[in-house]
């Protein structure tokens, strides 16, 4: 298991091998296809322009980068979380594999995300209008958005009692575009939050028995699945859950929920 755990870390790279260690390219390939492919592609050609290609990268470069992520001297929420789970053997193997591949041509077609990571089981909650509690609102300055967070009854009850989120928990976020002034800056209302100017999307997470088995252990967030919905509540296709899973991975003590404390405060009132 630890051998496959390393791979996604290699999303960007891997750590220096111990003296005398001989990398196993075949093992690195197996790990890469099982985990790293979620973002970097099984052939080292990434799934998106914002994610670097690893094919043909120098082995020592890949090693140095993952070590930096693991030490958090290089900051990236997703990679810092993943890098904590790797060992030296995995690191050396995956780095050697990606280094052995031919470099990607500029015209190379992007890889497709793994089927199990874009096939969420979550649907839009039918009782959202009546069965959810609004518990916090947050401004997202970088994206010029204001977001409103909601939880269903199962999640609220667990938060009130200080328990882990149970099966059946659903958390949903309304994502609004912020109203902009003449200079293109968000307009802030009297409550301190950006003035909403149209619903852009919903983001959501749901926990049900056995759902986590769809994902490799290095990414798995218990039994949570994630989804993005359009303003009309239809599911946005092709969303790569690897990004959500990796960022939430360190929050095991908080049921993998970033806003758990805010939910607990409201639930206990």
C-alpha atoms as a PDB file:
ATOM      1  CA  UNK A   1       0.000   0.000   0.000  1.00  0.00           C
ATOM      2  CA  UNK A   2       2.775   2.414   0.887  1.00  0.00           C
ATOM      3  CA  UNK A   3       4.227   1.817  -2.552  1.00  0.00           C
ATOM      4  CA  UNK A   4       1.102   3.151  -4.215  1.00  0.00           C
ATOM      5  CA  UNK A   5       0.766   5.864  -1.663  1.00  0.00           C
ATOM      6  CA  UNK A   6       3.731   7.691  -3.062  1.00  0.00           C
ATOM      7  CA  UNK A   7       2.589   8.112  -6.537  1.00  0.00           C
ATOM      8  CA  UNK A   8       0.326  11.098  -6.454  1.00  0.00           C
ATOM      9  CA  UNK A   9       3.011  12.846  -4.535  1.00  0.00           C
ATOM     10  CA  UNK A  10       4.965  12.431  -7.555  1.00  0.00           C
ATOM     11  CA  UNK A  11       2.306  14.609  -9.062  1.00  0.00           C
ATOM     12  CA  UNK A  12       5.144  17.007  -9.234  1.00  0.00           C
ATOM     13  CA  UNK A  13       8.000  14.778  -8.188  1.00  0.00           C
ATOM     14  CA  UNK A  14       9.809  12.685  -5.700  1.00  0.00           C
ATOM     15  CA  UNK A  15      12.481  12.652  -2.991  1.00  0.00           C
ATOM     16  CA  UNK A  16      16.154  11.755  -3.099  1.00  0.00           C
ATOM     17  CA  UNK A  17      16.795   8.067  -2.835  1.00  0.00           C
ATOM     18  CA  UNK A  18      18.934   6.695  -0.067  1.00  0.00           C
ATOM     19  CA  UNK A  19      22.569   5.866  -0.950  1.00  0.00           C
ATOM     20  CA  UNK A  20      22.819   2.650  -2.940  1.00  0.00           C
ATOM     21  CA  UNK A  21      19.119   2.558  -3.768  1.00  0.00           C
ATOM     22  CA  UNK A  22      18.312   1.402  -7.301  1.00  0.00           C
ATOM     23  CA  UNK A  23      15.043   2.757  -8.594  1.00  0.00           C
ATOM     24  CA  UNK A  24      12.463   0.298  -9.934  1.00  0.00           C
ATOM     25  CA  UNK A  25      10.980   1.886 -13.056  1.00  0.00           C
ATOM     26  CA  UNK A  26       8.316  -0.818 -13.410  1.00  0.00           C
ATOM     27  CA  UNK A  27       7.133  -0.193  -9.851  1.00  0.00           C
ATOM     28  CA  UNK A  28       7.148   3.517 -10.530  1.00  0.00           C
ATOM     29  CA  UNK A  29       5.002   3.018 -13.620  1.00  0.00           C
ATOM     30  CA  UNK A  30       2.470   0.967 -11.665  1.00  0.00           C
ATOM     31  CA  UNK A  31       2.235   3.650  -9.010  1.00  0.00           C
ATOM     32  CA  UNK A  32       2.011   6.437 -11.562  1.00  0.00           C
ATOM     33  CA  UNK A  33      -0.865   4.759 -13.383  1.00  0.00           C
ATOM     34  CA  UNK A  34      -2.701   4.053 -10.147  1.00  0.00           C
ATOM     35  CA  UNK A  35      -2.355   7.489  -8.575  1.00  0.00           C
ATOM     36  CA  UNK A  36      -0.287  10.154 -10.353  1.00  0.00           C
ATOM     37  CA  UNK A  37      -2.387   9.804 -13.479  1.00  0.00           C
ATOM     38  CA  UNK A  38      -5.190  11.585 -11.630  1.00  0.00           C
ATOM     39  CA  UNK A  39      -3.545  14.895 -12.455  1.00  0.00           C
ATOM     40  CA  UNK A  40      -0.324  14.282 -14.374  1.00  0.00           C
ATOM     41  CA  UNK A  41      -1.507  11.547 -16.709  1.00  0.00           C
ATOM     42  CA  UNK A  42      -0.261   7.959 -16.869  1.00  0.00           C
ATOM     43  CA  UNK A  43       2.177   9.017 -19.598  1.00  0.00           C
ATOM     44  CA  UNK A  44       3.366  12.130 -17.759  1.00  0.00           C
ATOM     45  CA  UNK A  45       1.246  14.485 -19.851  1.00  0.00           C
ATOM     46  CA  UNK A  46      -1.074  16.348 -17.505  1.00  0.00           C
ATOM     47  CA  UNK A  47      -4.849  16.650 -17.632  1.00  0.00           C
ATOM     48  CA  UNK A  48      -4.899  20.480 -17.599  1.00  0.00           C
ATOM     49  CA  UNK A  49      -2.769  23.451 -18.617  1.00  0.00           C
ATOM     50  CA  UNK A  50      -2.437  24.493 -14.974  1.00  0.00           C
ATOM     51  CA  UNK A  51      -0.757  21.188 -14.051  1.00  0.00           C
ATOM     52  CA  UNK A  52       2.838  20.533 -15.154  1.00  0.00           C
ATOM     53  CA  UNK A  53       3.831  17.672 -17.430  1.00  0.00           C
ATOM     54  CA  UNK A  54       6.274  15.248 -15.788  1.00  0.00           C
ATOM     55  CA  UNK A  55       7.302  13.221 -18.841  1.00  0.00           C
ATOM     56  CA  UNK A  56      10.988  13.568 -19.526  1.00  0.00           C
ATOM     57  CA  UNK A  57      11.723  15.736 -16.493  1.00  0.00           C
ATOM     58  CA  UNK A  58      15.143  15.243 -14.932  1.00  0.00           C
ATOM     59  CA  UNK A  59      15.055  12.676 -12.171  1.00  0.00           C
ATOM     60  CA  UNK A  60      16.960  14.788  -9.662  1.00  0.00           C
ATOM     61  CA  UNK A  61      14.650  17.730 -10.338  1.00  0.00           C
ATOM     62  CA  UNK A  62      11.584  15.624  -9.646  1.00  0.00           C
ATOM     63  CA  UNK A  63      13.192  14.298  -6.487  1.00  0.00           C
ATOM     64  CA  UNK A  64      14.114  17.741  -5.201  1.00  0.00           C
ATOM     65  CA  UNK A  65      10.643  19.148  -5.784  1.00  0.00           C
ATOM     66  CA  UNK A  66       8.782  16.492  -3.849  1.00  0.00           C
ATOM     67  CA  UNK A  67      11.230  16.821  -1.002  1.00  0.00           C
ATOM     68  CA  UNK A  68      10.473  20.528  -0.951  1.00  0.00           C
ATOM     69  CA  UNK A  69       6.730  19.824  -0.875  1.00  0.00           C
ATOM     70  CA  UNK A  70       7.204  17.306   1.911  1.00  0.00           C
ATOM     71  CA  UNK A  71       9.222  19.806   3.952  1.00  0.00           C
ATOM     72  CA  UNK A  72       6.737  22.546   2.999  1.00  0.00           C
ATOM     73  CA  UNK A  73       9.561  24.782   1.834  1.00  0.00           C
ATOM     74  CA  UNK A  74       7.595  24.842  -1.397  1.00  0.00           C
ATOM     75  CA  UNK A  75       3.952  25.681  -0.783  1.00  0.00           C
ATOM     76  CA  UNK A  76       1.089  24.015  -2.585  1.00  0.00           C
ATOM     77  CA  UNK A  77      -1.901  22.863  -0.543  1.00  0.00           C
ATOM     78  CA  UNK A  78      -2.521  19.801  -2.654  1.00  0.00           C
ATOM     79  CA  UNK A  79       1.091  18.665  -2.940  1.00  0.00           C
ATOM     80  CA  UNK A  80       2.007  19.453   0.663  1.00  0.00           C
ATOM     81  CA  UNK A  81      -0.847  17.195   1.778  1.00  0.00           C
ATOM     82  CA  UNK A  82       0.101  14.364  -0.556  1.00  0.00           C
ATOM     83  CA  UNK A  83       3.853  14.577   0.063  1.00  0.00           C
ATOM     84  CA  UNK A  84       3.408  13.699   3.734  1.00  0.00           C
ATOM     85  CA  UNK A  85       2.413  10.178   2.701  1.00  0.00           C
ATOM     86  CA  UNK A  86       5.445   9.088   0.651  1.00  0.00           C
ATOM     87  CA  UNK A  87       8.487   6.961   1.419  1.00  0.00           C
ATOM     88  CA  UNK A  88      11.908   6.990  -0.223  1.00  0.00           C
ATOM     89  CA  UNK A  89      11.317   3.905  -2.357  1.00  0.00           C
ATOM     90  CA  UNK A  90       8.119   5.243  -3.890  1.00  0.00           C
ATOM     91  CA  UNK A  91       9.822   8.567  -4.470  1.00  0.00           C
ATOM     92  CA  UNK A  92      12.763   7.083  -6.302  1.00  0.00           C
ATOM     93  CA  UNK A  93      10.619   4.718  -8.389  1.00  0.00           C
ATOM     94  CA  UNK A  94       8.132   7.287  -9.607  1.00  0.00           C
ATOM     95  CA  UNK A  95      10.818   9.861 -10.358  1.00  0.00           C
ATOM     96  CA  UNK A  96      12.746   7.310 -12.378  1.00  0.00           C
ATOM     97  CA  UNK A  97       9.637   6.323 -14.332  1.00  0.00           C
ATOM     98  CA  UNK A  98       8.638   9.836 -15.348  1.00  0.00           C
ATOM     99  CA  UNK A  99      12.234  10.693 -16.187  1.00  0.00           C
ATOM    100  CA  UNK A 100      12.427   7.671 -18.496  1.00  0.00           C
ATOM    101  CA  UNK A 101       9.558   8.938 -20.673  1.00  0.00           C
ATOM    102  CA  UNK A 102      10.066  11.091 -23.764  1.00  0.00           C
ATOM    103  CA  UNK A 103       9.317  14.737 -23.146  1.00  0.00           C
ATOM    104  CA  UNK A 104       5.906  16.008 -24.199  1.00  0.00           C
ATOM    105  CA  UNK A 105       5.727  17.965 -27.451  1.00  0.00           C
ATOM    106  CA  UNK A 106       4.025  21.352 -27.304  1.00  0.00           C
ATOM    107  CA  UNK A 107       1.284  19.958 -29.521  1.00  0.00           C
ATOM    108  CA  UNK A 108       0.685  16.978 -27.238  1.00  0.00           C
ATOM    109  CA  UNK A 109      -2.960  16.401 -26.368  1.00  0.00           C
ATOM    110  CA  UNK A 110      -3.793  16.612 -22.679  1.00  0.00           C
ATOM    111  CA  UNK A 111      -4.462  13.369 -20.834  1.00  0.00           C
ATOM    112  CA  UNK A 112      -7.984  12.509 -19.765  1.00  0.00           C
ATOM    113  CA  UNK A 113      -8.690  12.416 -16.014  1.00  0.00           C
ATOM    114  CA  UNK A 114      -9.176   8.954 -14.545  1.00  0.00           C
ATOM    115  CA  UNK A 115     -12.734   7.689 -14.943  1.00  0.00           C
ATOM    116  CA  UNK A 116     -13.165   6.895 -11.249  1.00  0.00           C
ATOM    117  CA  UNK A 117     -12.251  10.474 -10.322  1.00  0.00           C
ATOM    118  CA  UNK A 118     -14.656  12.212 -12.689  1.00  0.00           C
ATOM    119  CA  UNK A 119     -17.529   9.813 -11.999  1.00  0.00           C
ATOM    120  CA  UNK A 120     -18.987  11.233  -8.812  1.00  0.00           C
ATOM    121  CA  UNK A 121     -21.914   9.410  -7.247  1.00  0.00           C
ATOM    122  CA  UNK A 122     -23.352  12.618  -5.873  1.00  0.00           C
ATOM    123  CA  UNK A 123     -26.508  14.207  -7.239  1.00  0.00           C
ATOM    124  CA  UNK A 124     -27.971  17.599  -6.356  1.00  0.00           C
ATOM    125  CA  UNK A 125     -29.809  17.222  -3.001  1.00  0.00           C
ATOM    126  CA  UNK A 126     -33.556  17.278  -3.609  1.00  0.00           C
ATOM    127  CA  UNK A 127     -34.256  18.771  -0.172  1.00  0.00           C
ATOM    128  CA  UNK A 128     -31.795  21.657  -0.427  1.00  0.00           C
ATOM    129  CA  UNK A 129     -34.502  24.325  -0.273  1.00  0.00           C
ATOM    130  CA  UNK A 130     -36.077  22.978   2.938  1.00  0.00           C
ATOM    131  CA  UNK A 131     -33.651  20.597   4.645  1.00  0.00           C
ATOM    132  CA  UNK A 132     -30.406  22.581   4.878  1.00  0.00           C
ATOM    133  CA  UNK A 133     -29.032  25.133   7.360  1.00  0.00           C
ATOM    134  CA  UNK A 134     -26.972  28.130   6.265  1.00  0.00           C
ATOM    135  CA  UNK A 135     -23.998  28.312   8.626  1.00  0.00           C
ATOM    136  CA  UNK A 136     -21.403  30.690   7.175  1.00  0.00           C
ATOM    137  CA  UNK A 137     -20.590  33.083   4.328  1.00  0.00           C
ATOM    138  CA  UNK A 138     -17.115  33.793   2.954  1.00  0.00           C
ATOM    139  CA  UNK A 139     -15.640  36.309   0.503  1.00  0.00           C
ATOM    140  CA  UNK A 140     -13.259  34.821  -2.081  1.00  0.00           C
ATOM    141  CA  UNK A 141     -11.235  37.857  -3.078  1.00  0.00           C
ATOM    142  CA  UNK A 142      -9.019  36.136  -5.659  1.00  0.00           C
ATOM    143  CA  UNK A 143     -12.004  34.891  -7.636  1.00  0.00           C
ATOM    144  CA  UNK A 144     -14.264  37.854  -6.897  1.00  0.00           C
ATOM    145  CA  UNK A 145     -16.901  35.583  -5.408  1.00  0.00           C
ATOM    146  CA  UNK A 146     -19.018  35.347  -2.295  1.00  0.00           C
ATOM    147  CA  UNK A 147     -19.902  31.861  -1.073  1.00  0.00           C
ATOM    148  CA  UNK A 148     -22.682  30.692   1.230  1.00  0.00           C
ATOM    149  CA  UNK A 149     -22.279  27.389   3.071  1.00  0.00           C
ATOM    150  CA  UNK A 150     -25.098  24.982   3.968  1.00  0.00           C
ATOM    151  CA  UNK A 151     -25.359  21.628   5.771  1.00  0.00           C
ATOM    152  CA  UNK A 152     -28.125  19.032   5.877  1.00  0.00           C
ATOM    153  CA  UNK A 153     -29.759  17.789   9.084  1.00  0.00           C
ATOM    154  CA  UNK A 154     -27.416  14.829   9.559  1.00  0.00           C
ATOM    155  CA  UNK A 155     -24.342  17.053   9.359  1.00  0.00           C
ATOM    156  CA  UNK A 156     -25.815  19.709  11.666  1.00  0.00           C
ATOM    157  CA  UNK A 157     -26.747  17.120  14.305  1.00  0.00           C
ATOM    158  CA  UNK A 158     -23.244  15.631  14.290  1.00  0.00           C
ATOM    159  CA  UNK A 159     -21.636  19.069  14.504  1.00  0.00           C
ATOM    160  CA  UNK A 160     -23.868  19.972  17.470  1.00  0.00           C
ATOM    161  CA  UNK A 161     -22.808  16.825  19.316  1.00  0.00           C
ATOM    162  CA  UNK A 162     -19.108  17.142  18.431  1.00  0.00           C
ATOM    163  CA  UNK A 163     -19.135  13.924  16.408  1.00  0.00           C
ATOM    164  CA  UNK A 164     -17.573  13.001  13.090  1.00  0.00           C
ATOM    165  CA  UNK A 165     -19.813  13.573  10.063  1.00  0.00           C
ATOM    166  CA  UNK A 166     -21.955  10.416   9.661  1.00  0.00           C
ATOM    167  CA  UNK A 167     -23.050   8.642   6.494  1.00  0.00           C
ATOM    168  CA  UNK A 168     -25.743  10.706   4.831  1.00  0.00           C
ATOM    169  CA  UNK A 169     -24.013  14.024   5.544  1.00  0.00           C
ATOM    170  CA  UNK A 170     -24.197  16.610   2.758  1.00  0.00           C
ATOM    171  CA  UNK A 171     -22.512  20.016   2.617  1.00  0.00           C
ATOM    172  CA  UNK A 172     -23.277  22.438  -0.189  1.00  0.00           C
ATOM    173  CA  UNK A 173     -21.926  25.858  -1.172  1.00  0.00           C
ATOM    174  CA  UNK A 174     -23.693  28.492  -3.272  1.00  0.00           C
ATOM    175  CA  UNK A 175     -21.055  30.303  -5.332  1.00  0.00           C
ATOM    176  CA  UNK A 176     -22.051  33.809  -6.409  1.00  0.00           C
ATOM    177  CA  UNK A 177     -20.248  36.247  -8.652  1.00  0.00           C
ATOM    178  CA  UNK A 178     -19.577  39.479  -6.806  1.00  0.00           C
ATOM    179  CA  UNK A 179     -20.993  42.758  -8.063  1.00  0.00           C
ATOM    180  CA  UNK A 180     -18.130  44.901  -9.356  1.00  0.00           C
ATOM    181  CA  UNK A 181     -17.649  48.642  -9.217  1.00  0.00           C
ATOM    182  CA  UNK A 182     -16.341  50.839 -12.032  1.00  0.00           C
ATOM    183  CA  UNK A 183     -12.773  49.817 -11.241  1.00  0.00           C
ATOM    184  CA  UNK A 184     -13.605  46.138 -11.416  1.00  0.00           C
ATOM    185  CA  UNK A 185     -13.418  45.615  -7.649  1.00  0.00           C
ATOM    186  CA  UNK A 186     -16.056  43.705  -5.650  1.00  0.00           C
ATOM    187  CA  UNK A 187     -18.719  45.840  -3.992  1.00  0.00           C
ATOM    188  CA  UNK A 188     -18.975  45.128  -0.250  1.00  0.00           C
ATOM    189  CA  UNK A 189     -22.337  45.330   1.507  1.00  0.00           C
ATOM    190  CA  UNK A 190     -23.109  46.629   5.001  1.00  0.00           C
ATOM    191  CA  UNK A 191     -22.647  43.096   6.371  1.00  0.00           C
ATOM    192  CA  UNK A 192     -19.028  42.986   5.195  1.00  0.00           C
ATOM    193  CA  UNK A 193     -19.652  40.480   2.425  1.00  0.00           C
ATOM    194  CA  UNK A 194     -19.502  41.038  -1.298  1.00  0.00           C
ATOM    195  CA  UNK A 195     -22.807  41.900  -2.933  1.00  0.00           C
ATOM    196  CA  UNK A 196     -23.951  38.863  -4.921  1.00  0.00           C
ATOM    197  CA  UNK A 197     -24.483  39.406  -8.625  1.00  0.00           C
ATOM    198  CA  UNK A 198     -25.711  36.115  -9.974  1.00  0.00           C
ATOM    199  CA  UNK A 199     -25.381  32.477  -8.963  1.00  0.00           C
ATOM    200  CA  UNK A 200     -22.373  30.935 -10.726  1.00  0.00           C
ATOM    201  CA  UNK A 201     -22.363  27.363  -9.417  1.00  0.00           C
ATOM    202  CA  UNK A 202     -22.738  25.028  -6.468  1.00  0.00           C
ATOM    203  CA  UNK A 203     -19.945  22.943  -4.956  1.00  0.00           C
ATOM    204  CA  UNK A 204     -20.838  20.027  -2.742  1.00  0.00           C
ATOM    205  CA  UNK A 205     -19.664  16.978  -0.822  1.00  0.00           C
ATOM    206  CA  UNK A 206     -21.634  13.950   0.329  1.00  0.00           C
ATOM    207  CA  UNK A 207     -20.734  10.939   2.473  1.00  0.00           C
ATOM    208  CA  UNK A 208     -22.325   7.535   1.936  1.00  0.00           C
ATOM    209  CA  UNK A 209     -21.282   3.987   2.893  1.00  0.00           C
ATOM    210  CA  UNK A 210     -18.573   2.535   0.669  1.00  0.00           C
ATOM    211  CA  UNK A 211     -18.178   5.518  -1.614  1.00  0.00           C
ATOM    212  CA  UNK A 212     -14.533   5.998  -0.665  1.00  0.00           C
ATOM    213  CA  UNK A 213     -13.634   2.640  -2.200  1.00  0.00           C
ATOM    214  CA  UNK A 214     -13.805   4.351  -5.601  1.00  0.00           C
ATOM    215  CA  UNK A 215     -10.530   6.175  -4.903  1.00  0.00           C
ATOM    216  CA  UNK A 216      -6.921   5.161  -4.153  1.00  0.00           C
ATOM    217  CA  UNK A 217      -6.032   5.323  -0.462  1.00  0.00           C
ATOM    218  CA  UNK A 218      -3.623   8.226  -0.959  1.00  0.00           C
ATOM    219  CA  UNK A 219      -6.573  10.377  -2.040  1.00  0.00           C
ATOM    220  CA  UNK A 220      -9.478   8.827  -0.166  1.00  0.00           C
ATOM    221  CA  UNK A 221     -11.397  11.103   2.246  1.00  0.00           C
ATOM    222  CA  UNK A 222     -13.246   8.414   4.161  1.00  0.00           C
ATOM    223  CA  UNK A 223     -16.430   7.866   2.144  1.00  0.00           C
ATOM    224  CA  UNK A 224     -16.853  11.407   0.765  1.00  0.00           C
ATOM    225  CA  UNK A 225     -17.518  12.235  -2.888  1.00  0.00           C
ATOM    226  CA  UNK A 226     -17.376  15.752  -4.361  1.00  0.00           C
ATOM    227  CA  UNK A 227     -19.296  17.446  -7.158  1.00  0.00           C
ATOM    228  CA  UNK A 228     -19.833  20.786  -8.887  1.00  0.00           C
ATOM    229  CA  UNK A 229     -23.266  21.779 -10.159  1.00  0.00           C
ATOM    230  CA  UNK A 230     -24.244  24.479 -12.604  1.00  0.00           C
ATOM    231  CA  UNK A 231     -26.629  27.254 -11.634  1.00  0.00           C
ATOM    232  CA  UNK A 232     -29.499  25.152 -13.037  1.00  0.00           C
ATOM    233  CA  UNK A 233     -28.491  22.352 -10.581  1.00  0.00           C
ATOM    234  CA  UNK A 234     -27.294  20.000 -13.316  1.00  0.00           C
ATOM    235  CA  UNK A 235     -23.973  18.332 -12.604  1.00  0.00           C
ATOM    236  CA  UNK A 236     -20.938  19.840 -14.278  1.00  0.00           C
ATOM    237  CA  UNK A 237     -19.278  16.988 -16.190  1.00  0.00           C
ATOM    238  CA  UNK A 238     -15.585  16.170 -16.130  1.00  0.00           C
ATOM    239  CA  UNK A 239     -14.792  17.607 -12.689  1.00  0.00           C
ATOM    240  CA  UNK A 240     -11.597  15.979 -11.402  1.00  0.00           C
ATOM    241  CA  UNK A 241     -12.234  15.042  -7.773  1.00  0.00           C
ATOM    242  CA  UNK A 242      -8.504  14.486  -7.209  1.00  0.00           C
ATOM    243  CA  UNK A 243      -8.070  18.189  -6.513  1.00  0.00           C
ATOM    244  CA  UNK A 244     -10.771  18.215  -3.825  1.00  0.00           C
ATOM    245  CA  UNK A 245      -9.675  14.932  -2.302  1.00  0.00           C
ATOM    246  CA  UNK A 246      -6.011  15.921  -2.014  1.00  0.00           C
ATOM    247  CA  UNK A 247      -6.747  19.311  -0.442  1.00  0.00           C
ATOM    248  CA  UNK A 248      -9.191  17.854   2.105  1.00  0.00           C
ATOM    249  CA  UNK A 249      -6.996  14.826   2.886  1.00  0.00           C
ATOM    250  CA  UNK A 250      -5.195  16.362   5.922  1.00  0.00           C
ATOM    251  CA  UNK A 251      -8.506  17.195   7.636  1.00  0.00           C
ATOM    252  CA  UNK A 252      -9.241  13.686   8.875  1.00  0.00           C
ATOM    253  CA  UNK A 253      -9.782  14.925  12.455  1.00  0.00           C
ATOM    254  CA  UNK A 254     -12.348  17.446  11.172  1.00  0.00           C
ATOM    255  CA  UNK A 255     -14.285  14.938   9.055  1.00  0.00           C
ATOM    256  CA  UNK A 256     -12.407  16.337   6.013  1.00  0.00           C
ATOM    257  CA  UNK A 257     -14.433  19.564   6.323  1.00  0.00           C
ATOM    258  CA  UNK A 258     -12.625  22.928   6.164  1.00  0.00           C
ATOM    259  CA  UNK A 259     -15.567  24.828   7.659  1.00  0.00           C
ATOM    260  CA  UNK A 260     -16.349  22.390  10.490  1.00  0.00           C
ATOM    261  CA  UNK A 261     -15.738  24.900  13.306  1.00  0.00           C
ATOM    262  CA  UNK A 262     -18.152  27.392  11.748  1.00  0.00           C
ATOM    263  CA  UNK A 263     -20.744  24.638  11.415  1.00  0.00           C
ATOM    264  CA  UNK A 264     -20.275  23.586  15.037  1.00  0.00           C
ATOM    265  CA  UNK A 265     -20.727  27.150  16.278  1.00  0.00           C
ATOM    266  CA  UNK A 266     -24.047  27.546  14.478  1.00  0.00           C
ATOM    267  CA  UNK A 267     -25.256  24.032  15.313  1.00  0.00           C
ATOM    268  CA  UNK A 268     -24.743  24.633  19.055  1.00  0.00           C
ATOM    269  CA  UNK A 269     -26.700  27.877  19.233  1.00  0.00           C
END
